[in-house]
Amino acid sequence: MEATFRALSEHGYKDLRVRHIGEEMDLSRQVIHYHFDGKYDLLSSFLEYVIDQYEGSVEVDAETDPRAELDARIDRCLFGPEFDQFTHWDRMKVYHELYAYAQHDAEHRERFNEHYDRIRGSIVSVIEDGIEQGAFRDVDARRMGQLITDAIHAARERRIALGHEDAPQETKRAIDEFVLDSLSPEN
């Protein structure tokens, strides 16, 4: 999977060939085709691999208050986990390239939708828990979760596609000030 990542980073989705992946691993196309039914099957497995790296990567203990947990989840989505090789943004560049091509691929679009729903669902759950605990005022948790998730995705796209290096930090500040602060029961 890391060889696929390196090949995608270098060649991009459109120009990627199975031989490029093989070159990253010093393996022949035949060996790769033994394990995968072609480029599409390999890229589908790769997509699952990338999604799995982010799924469940936020660890909080039972004593963490809802605002701290929400901050941790938003930070993970905006700034990513630590990786030994390649940065979060290297990985997001490849992720978002595959995301862009999902408009033409029903199976990959379904995987991205499921991933998006899990991210949004984790944020909604924290908001619902915060409302139940009295840490947040009563709001439509689904709409609030949708807003936060969409802001995260827009910030990542701005950074990747437009080169706005400060987009994640600026979005985090805006979410804190205009969204999360509005959840305070005093508002």
N, C-alpha and C. Protein backbone atom coordinates (compact mmCIF):
# COMPACT_ATOMS: atom_id res chain seq x y z
N MET A 1 0.82 -1.20 0.00
CA MET A 1 0.00 0.00 0.00
C MET A 1 0.87 1.27 0.00
N GLU A 2 1.97 1.21 0.74
CA GLU A 2 2.87 2.38 0.74
C GLU A 2 3.50 2.58 -0.63
N ALA A 3 3.78 1.50 -1.35
CA ALA A 3 4.31 1.62 -2.71
C ALA A 3 3.27 2.26 -3.62
N THR A 4 2.01 1.91 -3.43
CA THR A 4 0.93 2.54 -4.20
C THR A 4 0.87 4.02 -3.88
N PHE A 5 1.01 4.35 -2.61
CA PHE A 5 1.01 5.76 -2.21
C PHE A 5 2.15 6.52 -2.90
N ARG A 6 3.35 5.94 -2.87
CA ARG A 6 4.50 6.61 -3.49
C ARG A 6 4.28 6.79 -5.00
N ALA A 7 3.76 5.75 -5.65
CA ALA A 7 3.53 5.84 -7.10
C ALA A 7 2.44 6.86 -7.42
N LEU A 8 1.37 6.88 -6.64
CA LEU A 8 0.31 7.88 -6.84
C LEU A 8 0.84 9.29 -6.62
N SER A 9 1.67 9.46 -5.61
CA SER A 9 2.25 10.78 -5.32
C SER A 9 3.09 11.28 -6.49
N GLU A 10 3.80 10.36 -7.10
CA GLU A 10 4.69 10.75 -8.20
C GLU A 10 3.97 10.91 -9.53
N HIS A 11 3.04 10.00 -9.84
CA HIS A 11 2.44 9.97 -11.17
C HIS A 11 1.02 10.52 -11.23
N GLY A 12 0.33 10.59 -10.09
CA GLY A 12 -1.06 11.01 -10.09
C GLY A 12 -1.98 9.88 -10.53
N TYR A 13 -3.24 10.01 -10.23
CA TYR A 13 -4.22 8.97 -10.52
C TYR A 13 -4.33 8.69 -12.02
N LYS A 14 -4.44 9.75 -12.79
CA LYS A 14 -4.67 9.62 -14.22
C LYS A 14 -3.54 8.88 -14.93
N ASP A 15 -2.31 9.15 -14.55
CA ASP A 15 -1.15 8.57 -15.24
C ASP A 15 -0.58 7.33 -14.54
N LEU A 16 -1.19 6.92 -13.45
CA LEU A 16 -0.68 5.78 -12.70
C LEU A 16 -0.84 4.48 -13.49
N ARG A 17 0.20 3.68 -13.49
CA ARG A 17 0.20 2.36 -14.10
C ARG A 17 0.63 1.36 -13.04
N VAL A 18 0.19 0.12 -13.17
CA VAL A 18 0.57 -0.92 -12.22
C VAL A 18 2.09 -1.08 -12.20
N ARG A 19 2.74 -0.91 -13.34
CA ARG A 19 4.20 -1.03 -13.38
C ARG A 19 4.88 0.01 -12.50
N HIS A 20 4.26 1.21 -12.36
CA HIS A 20 4.83 2.23 -11.47
C HIS A 20 4.83 1.74 -10.03
N ILE A 21 3.76 1.08 -9.64
CA ILE A 21 3.67 0.54 -8.29
C ILE A 21 4.71 -0.56 -8.12
N GLY A 22 4.82 -1.42 -9.11
CA GLY A 22 5.82 -2.49 -9.08
C GLY A 22 7.23 -1.94 -8.96
N GLU A 23 7.51 -0.86 -9.67
CA GLU A 23 8.84 -0.24 -9.59
C GLU A 23 9.14 0.26 -8.18
N GLU A 24 8.13 0.71 -7.48
CA GLU A 24 8.31 1.19 -6.10
C GLU A 24 8.63 0.05 -5.14
N MET A 25 8.30 -1.17 -5.55
CA MET A 25 8.49 -2.34 -4.69
C MET A 25 9.51 -3.31 -5.26
N ASP A 26 10.05 -3.00 -6.42
CA ASP A 26 10.94 -3.93 -7.12
C ASP A 26 10.25 -5.26 -7.41
N LEU A 27 8.97 -5.17 -7.78
CA LEU A 27 8.21 -6.35 -8.16
C LEU A 27 7.66 -6.18 -9.57
N SER A 28 7.37 -7.26 -10.21
CA SER A 28 6.81 -7.20 -11.56
C SER A 28 5.30 -6.97 -11.49
N ARG A 29 4.75 -6.54 -12.61
CA ARG A 29 3.30 -6.38 -12.72
C ARG A 29 2.60 -7.71 -12.45
N GLN A 30 3.22 -8.80 -12.90
CA GLN A 30 2.60 -10.11 -12.75
C GLN A 30 2.40 -10.46 -11.27
N VAL A 31 3.37 -10.11 -10.45
CA VAL A 31 3.24 -10.39 -9.01
C VAL A 31 2.10 -9.57 -8.41
N ILE A 32 2.00 -8.33 -8.81
CA ILE A 32 0.91 -7.48 -8.31
C ILE A 32 -0.43 -8.02 -8.79
N HIS A 33 -0.48 -8.40 -10.07
CA HIS A 33 -1.74 -8.94 -10.62
C HIS A 33 -2.11 -10.28 -9.98
N TYR A 34 -1.14 -10.97 -9.42
CA TYR A 34 -1.45 -12.20 -8.70
C TYR A 34 -2.30 -11.90 -7.47
N HIS A 35 -2.05 -10.75 -6.83
CA HIS A 35 -2.75 -10.37 -5.60
C HIS A 35 -3.97 -9.48 -5.85
N PHE A 36 -3.97 -8.77 -6.96
CA PHE A 36 -5.06 -7.83 -7.26
C PHE A 36 -5.53 -8.03 -8.69
N ASP A 37 -6.82 -7.85 -8.90
CA ASP A 37 -7.39 -8.00 -10.24
C ASP A 37 -7.26 -6.69 -11.02
N GLY A 38 -6.05 -6.17 -11.09
CA GLY A 38 -5.80 -4.97 -11.88
C GLY A 38 -5.70 -3.71 -11.04
N LYS A 39 -5.49 -2.63 -11.75
CA LYS A 39 -5.28 -1.32 -11.13
C LYS A 39 -6.48 -0.90 -10.27
N TYR A 40 -7.68 -1.11 -10.78
CA TYR A 40 -8.86 -0.68 -10.04
C TYR A 40 -8.97 -1.40 -8.69
N ASP A 41 -8.78 -2.70 -8.69
CA ASP A 41 -8.84 -3.49 -7.46
C ASP A 41 -7.77 -3.02 -6.47
N LEU A 42 -6.59 -2.77 -6.98
CA LEU A 42 -5.50 -2.29 -6.13
C LEU A 42 -5.82 -0.93 -5.55
N LEU A 43 -6.35 -0.02 -6.37
CA LEU A 43 -6.70 1.31 -5.87
C LEU A 43 -7.86 1.27 -4.89
N SER A 44 -8.78 0.34 -5.08
CA SER A 44 -9.87 0.18 -4.10
C SER A 44 -9.32 -0.27 -2.76
N SER A 45 -8.39 -1.21 -2.77
CA SER A 45 -7.74 -1.65 -1.53
C SER A 45 -6.93 -0.52 -0.92
N PHE A 46 -6.27 0.24 -1.76
CA PHE A 46 -5.48 1.38 -1.28
C PHE A 46 -6.40 2.41 -0.61
N LEU A 47 -7.53 2.69 -1.21
CA LEU A 47 -8.48 3.63 -0.63
C LEU A 47 -8.91 3.19 0.76
N GLU A 48 -9.22 1.90 0.91
CA GLU A 48 -9.58 1.36 2.23
C GLU A 48 -8.41 1.54 3.22
N TYR A 49 -7.22 1.30 2.75
CA TYR A 49 -6.02 1.45 3.58
C TYR A 49 -5.88 2.89 4.10
N VAL A 50 -6.04 3.86 3.22
CA VAL A 50 -5.92 5.26 3.61
C VAL A 50 -7.03 5.64 4.59
N ILE A 51 -8.25 5.22 4.30
CA ILE A 51 -9.38 5.53 5.19
C ILE A 51 -9.16 4.90 6.57
N ASP A 52 -8.68 3.66 6.59
CA ASP A 52 -8.43 2.98 7.87
C ASP A 52 -7.39 3.70 8.72
N GLN A 53 -6.45 4.39 8.08
CA GLN A 53 -5.43 5.12 8.84
C GLN A 53 -6.05 6.26 9.65
N TYR A 54 -7.17 6.77 9.20
CA TYR A 54 -7.82 7.89 9.89
C TYR A 54 -8.98 7.44 10.77
N GLU A 55 -9.59 6.34 10.42
CA GLU A 55 -10.73 5.85 11.20
C GLU A 55 -10.27 5.46 12.60
N GLY A 56 -10.97 5.92 13.58
CA GLY A 56 -10.69 5.52 14.95
C GLY A 56 -9.36 6.00 15.48
N SER A 57 -8.75 6.96 14.81
CA SER A 57 -7.42 7.39 15.24
C SER A 57 -7.47 8.45 16.33
N VAL A 58 -8.66 8.83 16.77
CA VAL A 58 -8.80 9.77 17.88
C VAL A 58 -9.05 8.95 19.14
N GLU A 59 -8.12 9.07 20.07
CA GLU A 59 -8.25 8.33 21.32
C GLU A 59 -8.48 9.32 22.46
N VAL A 60 -9.60 9.14 23.14
CA VAL A 60 -9.92 9.95 24.31
C VAL A 60 -10.38 9.00 25.41
N ASP A 61 -10.13 9.40 26.65
CA ASP A 61 -10.60 8.55 27.74
C ASP A 61 -12.00 8.96 28.15
N ALA A 62 -12.59 8.17 28.99
CA ALA A 62 -13.98 8.39 29.41
C ALA A 62 -14.17 9.70 30.15
N GLU A 63 -13.10 10.24 30.71
CA GLU A 63 -13.18 11.48 31.49
C GLU A 63 -13.06 12.74 30.63
N THR A 64 -12.78 12.59 29.35
CA THR A 64 -12.61 13.75 28.47
C THR A 64 -13.94 14.46 28.29
N ASP A 65 -13.94 15.78 28.48
CA ASP A 65 -15.19 16.52 28.32
C ASP A 65 -15.52 16.65 26.83
N PRO A 66 -16.80 16.87 26.49
CA PRO A 66 -17.23 16.90 25.09
C PRO A 66 -16.48 17.95 24.25
N ARG A 67 -16.22 19.11 24.81
CA ARG A 67 -15.51 20.15 24.02
C ARG A 67 -14.09 19.68 23.68
N ALA A 68 -13.39 19.07 24.62
CA ALA A 68 -12.03 18.58 24.35
C ALA A 68 -12.05 17.45 23.33
N GLU A 69 -13.06 16.58 23.43
CA GLU A 69 -13.15 15.49 22.44
C GLU A 69 -13.47 16.04 21.06
N LEU A 70 -14.37 17.01 20.99
CA LEU A 70 -14.70 17.62 19.70
C LEU A 70 -13.47 18.30 19.11
N ASP A 71 -12.72 19.01 19.95
CA ASP A 71 -11.46 19.63 19.50
C ASP A 71 -10.50 18.59 18.95
N ALA A 72 -10.37 17.46 19.64
CA ALA A 72 -9.45 16.40 19.21
C ALA A 72 -9.88 15.82 17.86
N ARG A 73 -11.17 15.61 17.68
CA ARG A 73 -11.67 15.05 16.42
C ARG A 73 -11.47 16.04 15.26
N ILE A 74 -11.74 17.30 15.50
CA ILE A 74 -11.55 18.31 14.46
C ILE A 74 -10.06 18.45 14.12
N ASP A 75 -9.22 18.48 15.14
CA ASP A 75 -7.77 18.57 14.90
C ASP A 75 -7.27 17.39 14.08
N ARG A 76 -7.75 16.20 14.40
CA ARG A 76 -7.29 15.01 13.66
C ARG A 76 -7.68 15.13 12.18
N CYS A 77 -8.90 15.60 11.93
CA CYS A 77 -9.35 15.74 10.54
C CYS A 77 -8.58 16.84 9.81
N LEU A 78 -8.27 17.92 10.50
CA LEU A 78 -7.58 19.03 9.86
C LEU A 78 -6.06 18.86 9.78
N PHE A 79 -5.47 18.25 10.80
CA PHE A 79 -4.01 18.21 10.88
C PHE A 79 -3.43 16.80 10.83
N GLY A 80 -4.30 15.79 10.94
CA GLY A 80 -3.91 14.41 10.75
C GLY A 80 -3.08 13.79 11.84
N PRO A 81 -2.95 12.47 11.77
CA PRO A 81 -2.07 11.75 12.69
C PRO A 81 -0.61 11.88 12.23
N GLU A 82 0.29 11.46 13.08
CA GLU A 82 1.72 11.44 12.74
C GLU A 82 2.00 10.18 11.93
N PHE A 83 2.81 10.32 10.91
CA PHE A 83 3.21 9.17 10.10
C PHE A 83 4.73 9.11 10.05
N ASP A 84 5.26 7.88 9.95
CA ASP A 84 6.71 7.72 9.85
C ASP A 84 7.22 8.24 8.51
N GLN A 85 6.45 8.00 7.48
CA GLN A 85 6.88 8.36 6.14
C GLN A 85 5.77 9.17 5.48
N PHE A 86 6.10 10.26 4.87
CA PHE A 86 5.16 11.15 4.21
C PHE A 86 4.27 11.84 5.26
N THR A 87 3.95 13.06 4.99
CA THR A 87 3.16 13.84 5.95
C THR A 87 1.66 13.58 5.76
N HIS A 88 0.92 14.10 6.70
CA HIS A 88 -0.54 14.07 6.59
C HIS A 88 -0.96 14.71 5.28
N TRP A 89 -0.33 15.82 4.91
CA TRP A 89 -0.74 16.53 3.69
C TRP A 89 -0.33 15.80 2.43
N ASP A 90 0.76 15.06 2.46
CA ASP A 90 1.10 14.19 1.34
C ASP A 90 -0.01 13.16 1.15
N ARG A 91 -0.48 12.60 2.26
CA ARG A 91 -1.53 11.59 2.21
C ARG A 91 -2.87 12.20 1.80
N MET A 92 -3.17 13.39 2.30
CA MET A 92 -4.42 14.05 1.93
C MET A 92 -4.45 14.43 0.46
N LYS A 93 -3.30 14.78 -0.10
CA LYS A 93 -3.24 15.10 -1.53
C LYS A 93 -3.68 13.89 -2.36
N VAL A 94 -3.18 12.72 -2.03
CA VAL A 94 -3.56 11.50 -2.74
C VAL A 94 -5.03 11.16 -2.46
N TYR A 95 -5.44 11.26 -1.21
CA TYR A 95 -6.83 10.99 -0.82
C TYR A 95 -7.79 11.87 -1.63
N HIS A 96 -7.49 13.16 -1.69
CA HIS A 96 -8.39 14.08 -2.38
C HIS A 96 -8.34 13.93 -3.90
N GLU A 97 -7.23 13.43 -4.42
CA GLU A 97 -7.19 13.14 -5.85
C GLU A 97 -8.14 11.97 -6.16
N LEU A 98 -8.10 10.94 -5.34
CA LEU A 98 -9.04 9.82 -5.51
C LEU A 98 -10.48 10.30 -5.28
N TYR A 99 -10.66 11.18 -4.32
CA TYR A 99 -11.97 11.75 -4.01
C TYR A 99 -12.55 12.47 -5.23
N ALA A 100 -11.70 13.23 -5.93
CA ALA A 100 -12.15 13.96 -7.11
C ALA A 100 -12.62 13.02 -8.21
N TYR A 101 -11.95 11.88 -8.36
CA TYR A 101 -12.34 10.92 -9.39
C TYR A 101 -13.55 10.09 -8.99
N ALA A 102 -13.96 10.14 -7.74
CA ALA A 102 -15.10 9.36 -7.28
C ALA A 102 -16.40 9.77 -7.96
N GLN A 103 -16.45 10.98 -8.50
CA GLN A 103 -17.67 11.40 -9.20
C GLN A 103 -17.96 10.51 -10.41
N HIS A 104 -16.94 9.82 -10.90
CA HIS A 104 -17.10 8.94 -12.05
C HIS A 104 -17.09 7.46 -11.67
N ASP A 105 -17.11 7.18 -10.38
CA ASP A 105 -16.94 5.80 -9.92
C ASP A 105 -17.88 5.54 -8.75
N ALA A 106 -18.96 4.83 -9.02
CA ALA A 106 -19.99 4.61 -8.00
C ALA A 106 -19.46 3.86 -6.78
N GLU A 107 -18.59 2.87 -6.99
CA GLU A 107 -18.06 2.09 -5.86
C GLU A 107 -17.18 2.94 -4.95
N HIS A 108 -16.29 3.71 -5.54
CA HIS A 108 -15.43 4.57 -4.73
C HIS A 108 -16.24 5.70 -4.09
N ARG A 109 -17.21 6.22 -4.81
CA ARG A 109 -18.08 7.26 -4.25
C ARG A 109 -18.78 6.73 -3.01
N GLU A 110 -19.23 5.47 -3.07
CA GLU A 110 -19.90 4.86 -1.91
C GLU A 110 -18.93 4.77 -0.73
N ARG A 111 -17.68 4.38 -0.97
CA ARG A 111 -16.69 4.29 0.10
C ARG A 111 -16.43 5.67 0.72
N PHE A 112 -16.30 6.68 -0.13
CA PHE A 112 -16.08 8.03 0.40
C PHE A 112 -17.30 8.52 1.18
N ASN A 113 -18.50 8.21 0.69
CA ASN A 113 -19.71 8.58 1.42
C ASN A 113 -19.77 7.91 2.79
N GLU A 114 -19.42 6.64 2.84
CA GLU A 114 -19.40 5.92 4.12
C GLU A 114 -18.39 6.56 5.07
N HIS A 115 -17.22 6.89 4.56
CA HIS A 115 -16.19 7.52 5.38
C HIS A 115 -16.66 8.89 5.88
N TYR A 116 -17.24 9.66 4.99
CA TYR A 116 -17.76 10.98 5.35
C TYR A 116 -18.84 10.84 6.43
N ASP A 117 -19.73 9.87 6.25
CA ASP A 117 -20.80 9.65 7.23
C ASP A 117 -20.23 9.26 8.60
N ARG A 118 -19.15 8.47 8.61
CA ARG A 118 -18.55 8.09 9.90
C ARG A 118 -17.89 9.29 10.57
N ILE A 119 -17.22 10.14 9.79
CA ILE A 119 -16.61 11.34 10.38
C ILE A 119 -17.71 12.23 10.95
N ARG A 120 -18.71 12.52 10.12
CA ARG A 120 -19.81 13.37 10.57
C ARG A 120 -20.52 12.73 11.76
N GLY A 121 -20.74 11.43 11.71
CA GLY A 121 -21.42 10.73 12.80
C GLY A 121 -20.65 10.82 14.10
N SER A 122 -19.32 10.74 14.04
CA SER A 122 -18.54 10.84 15.28
C SER A 122 -18.65 12.24 15.88
N ILE A 123 -18.71 13.25 15.02
CA ILE A 123 -18.86 14.62 15.50
C ILE A 123 -20.26 14.83 16.07
N VAL A 124 -21.26 14.32 15.38
CA VAL A 124 -22.65 14.43 15.86
C VAL A 124 -22.78 13.74 17.22
N SER A 125 -22.19 12.57 17.38
CA SER A 125 -22.28 11.85 18.66
C SER A 125 -21.70 12.65 19.81
N VAL A 126 -20.58 13.29 19.57
CA VAL A 126 -19.97 14.11 20.62
C VAL A 126 -20.88 15.28 20.96
N ILE A 127 -21.46 15.91 19.96
CA ILE A 127 -22.37 17.04 20.21
C ILE A 127 -23.59 16.56 20.99
N GLU A 128 -24.16 15.42 20.59
CA GLU A 128 -25.32 14.88 21.31
C GLU A 128 -24.97 14.56 22.76
N ASP A 129 -23.79 13.96 22.97
CA ASP A 129 -23.36 13.67 24.34
C ASP A 129 -23.18 14.95 25.14
N GLY A 130 -22.61 15.97 24.50
CA GLY A 130 -22.41 17.26 25.17
C GLY A 130 -23.72 17.92 25.55
N ILE A 131 -24.72 17.80 24.69
CA ILE A 131 -26.05 18.34 25.01
C ILE A 131 -26.64 17.58 26.19
N GLU A 132 -26.54 16.27 26.14
CA GLU A 132 -27.09 15.42 27.20
C GLU A 132 -26.42 15.72 28.55
N GLN A 133 -25.11 16.00 28.54
CA GLN A 133 -24.37 16.27 29.77
C GLN A 133 -24.51 17.72 30.24
N GLY A 134 -25.15 18.56 29.43
CA GLY A 134 -25.28 19.96 29.78
C GLY A 134 -24.06 20.80 29.44
N ALA A 135 -23.09 20.22 28.75
CA ALA A 135 -21.89 20.95 28.35
C ALA A 135 -22.15 21.83 27.13
N PHE A 136 -23.15 21.44 26.32
CA PHE A 136 -23.53 22.20 25.13
C PHE A 136 -25.00 22.57 25.25
N ARG A 137 -25.36 23.69 24.64
CA ARG A 137 -26.78 24.06 24.59
C ARG A 137 -27.49 23.16 23.60
N ASP A 138 -28.80 23.16 23.64
CA ASP A 138 -29.59 22.30 22.76
C ASP A 138 -29.57 22.88 21.34
N VAL A 139 -28.98 22.12 20.43
CA VAL A 139 -28.91 22.51 19.01
C VAL A 139 -29.27 21.28 18.19
N ASP A 140 -29.46 21.49 16.90
CA ASP A 140 -29.65 20.37 15.98
C ASP A 140 -28.26 19.77 15.74
N ALA A 141 -27.96 18.68 16.44
CA ALA A 141 -26.62 18.09 16.40
C ALA A 141 -26.24 17.63 15.00
N ARG A 142 -27.21 17.14 14.24
CA ARG A 142 -26.91 16.68 12.88
C ARG A 142 -26.48 17.84 11.99
N ARG A 143 -27.20 18.93 12.05
CA ARG A 143 -26.83 20.09 11.22
C ARG A 143 -25.51 20.68 11.67
N MET A 144 -25.28 20.73 12.97
CA MET A 144 -24.02 21.26 13.49
C MET A 144 -22.86 20.36 13.05
N GLY A 145 -23.06 19.05 13.14
CA GLY A 145 -22.03 18.11 12.69
C GLY A 145 -21.76 18.24 11.20
N GLN A 146 -22.82 18.46 10.44
CA GLN A 146 -22.68 18.66 8.99
C GLN A 146 -21.85 19.91 8.70
N LEU A 147 -22.16 20.99 9.40
CA LEU A 147 -21.43 22.25 9.20
C LEU A 147 -19.94 22.08 9.50
N ILE A 148 -19.63 21.46 10.62
CA ILE A 148 -18.23 21.26 11.01
C ILE A 148 -17.51 20.37 10.00
N THR A 149 -18.14 19.28 9.61
CA THR A 149 -17.53 18.35 8.66
C THR A 149 -17.30 19.03 7.32
N ASP A 150 -18.27 19.80 6.85
CA ASP A 150 -18.10 20.51 5.58
C ASP A 150 -16.99 21.56 5.66
N ALA A 151 -16.88 22.24 6.78
CA ALA A 151 -15.80 23.23 6.95
C ALA A 151 -14.44 22.54 6.90
N ILE A 152 -14.33 21.38 7.52
CA ILE A 152 -13.08 20.61 7.49
C ILE A 152 -12.71 20.24 6.06
N HIS A 153 -13.68 19.71 5.31
CA HIS A 153 -13.40 19.31 3.93
C HIS A 153 -13.04 20.51 3.06
N ALA A 154 -13.73 21.62 3.23
CA ALA A 154 -13.40 22.82 2.44
C ALA A 154 -12.00 23.31 2.76
N ALA A 155 -11.60 23.28 4.03
CA ALA A 155 -10.26 23.72 4.40
C ALA A 155 -9.19 22.83 3.79
N ARG A 156 -9.43 21.53 3.80
CA ARG A 156 -8.45 20.61 3.20
C ARG A 156 -8.34 20.85 1.70
N GLU A 157 -9.46 21.04 1.04
CA GLU A 157 -9.43 21.32 -0.41
C GLU A 157 -8.71 22.64 -0.70
N ARG A 158 -8.97 23.67 0.09
CA ARG A 158 -8.29 24.95 -0.12
C ARG A 158 -6.78 24.79 0.01
N ARG A 159 -6.36 24.03 0.99
CA ARG A 159 -4.92 23.85 1.18
C ARG A 159 -4.31 23.04 0.05
N ILE A 160 -4.98 21.97 -0.34
CA ILE A 160 -4.44 21.07 -1.36
C ILE A 160 -4.55 21.68 -2.76
N ALA A 161 -5.74 22.09 -3.15
CA ALA A 161 -5.96 22.53 -4.52
C ALA A 161 -5.50 23.96 -4.79
N LEU A 162 -5.64 24.82 -3.79
CA LEU A 162 -5.34 26.23 -4.01
C LEU A 162 -4.04 26.68 -3.37
N GLY A 163 -3.43 25.81 -2.57
CA GLY A 163 -2.16 26.17 -1.95
C GLY A 163 -2.27 27.11 -0.77
N HIS A 164 -3.46 27.21 -0.20
CA HIS A 164 -3.66 28.07 0.97
C HIS A 164 -3.15 27.33 2.21
N GLU A 165 -1.87 27.48 2.47
CA GLU A 165 -1.21 26.74 3.56
C GLU A 165 -1.88 26.98 4.91
N ASP A 166 -2.44 28.16 5.11
CA ASP A 166 -3.03 28.51 6.40
C ASP A 166 -4.50 28.10 6.53
N ALA A 167 -5.07 27.49 5.50
CA ALA A 167 -6.50 27.15 5.53
C ALA A 167 -6.89 26.29 6.73
N PRO A 168 -6.16 25.23 7.06
CA PRO A 168 -6.58 24.43 8.22
C PRO A 168 -6.54 25.22 9.54
N GLN A 169 -5.49 26.00 9.74
CA GLN A 169 -5.40 26.77 10.98
C GLN A 169 -6.49 27.84 11.05
N GLU A 170 -6.73 28.53 9.94
CA GLU A 170 -7.77 29.56 9.91
C GLU A 170 -9.16 28.94 10.11
N THR A 171 -9.39 27.80 9.51
CA THR A 171 -10.68 27.12 9.67
C THR A 171 -10.86 26.66 11.11
N LYS A 172 -9.80 26.15 11.71
CA LYS A 172 -9.88 25.72 13.12
C LYS A 172 -10.24 26.90 14.01
N ARG A 173 -9.60 28.05 13.77
CA ARG A 173 -9.93 29.24 14.57
C ARG A 173 -11.39 29.66 14.36
N ALA A 174 -11.85 29.63 13.11
CA ALA A 174 -13.24 30.01 12.82
C ALA A 174 -14.22 29.03 13.45
N ILE A 175 -13.94 27.73 13.36
CA ILE A 175 -14.81 26.73 14.00
C ILE A 175 -14.85 26.98 15.51
N ASP A 176 -13.69 27.22 16.11
CA ASP A 176 -13.65 27.49 17.56
C ASP A 176 -14.49 28.71 17.92
N GLU A 177 -14.27 29.79 17.20
CA GLU A 177 -14.92 31.06 17.55
C GLU A 177 -16.40 31.12 17.20
N PHE A 178 -16.74 30.69 16.00
CA PHE A 178 -18.11 30.90 15.54
C PHE A 178 -19.02 29.69 15.72
N VAL A 179 -18.44 28.50 15.86
CA VAL A 179 -19.26 27.31 15.97
C VAL A 179 -19.19 26.73 17.37
N LEU A 180 -18.01 26.35 17.81
CA LEU A 180 -17.92 25.68 19.11
C LEU A 180 -18.25 26.61 20.27
N ASP A 181 -17.81 27.86 20.19
CA ASP A 181 -18.17 28.79 21.27
C ASP A 181 -19.68 29.00 21.34
N SER A 182 -20.36 28.86 20.19
CA SER A 182 -21.82 29.03 20.19
C SER A 182 -22.53 27.86 20.86
N LEU A 183 -21.82 26.75 21.08
CA LEU A 183 -22.40 25.60 21.76
C LEU A 183 -22.46 25.77 23.27
N SER A 184 -21.76 26.76 23.77
CA SER A 184 -21.73 26.98 25.21
C SER A 184 -23.14 27.18 25.74
N PRO A 185 -23.46 26.55 26.87
CA PRO A 185 -24.81 26.69 27.44
C PRO A 185 -25.16 28.14 27.82
N GLU A 186 -24.14 28.98 27.98
CA GLU A 186 -24.39 30.38 28.33
C GLU A 186 -24.91 31.19 27.16
N ASN A 187 -24.81 30.67 25.94
CA ASN A 187 -25.27 31.40 24.75
C ASN A 187 -26.74 31.22 24.51
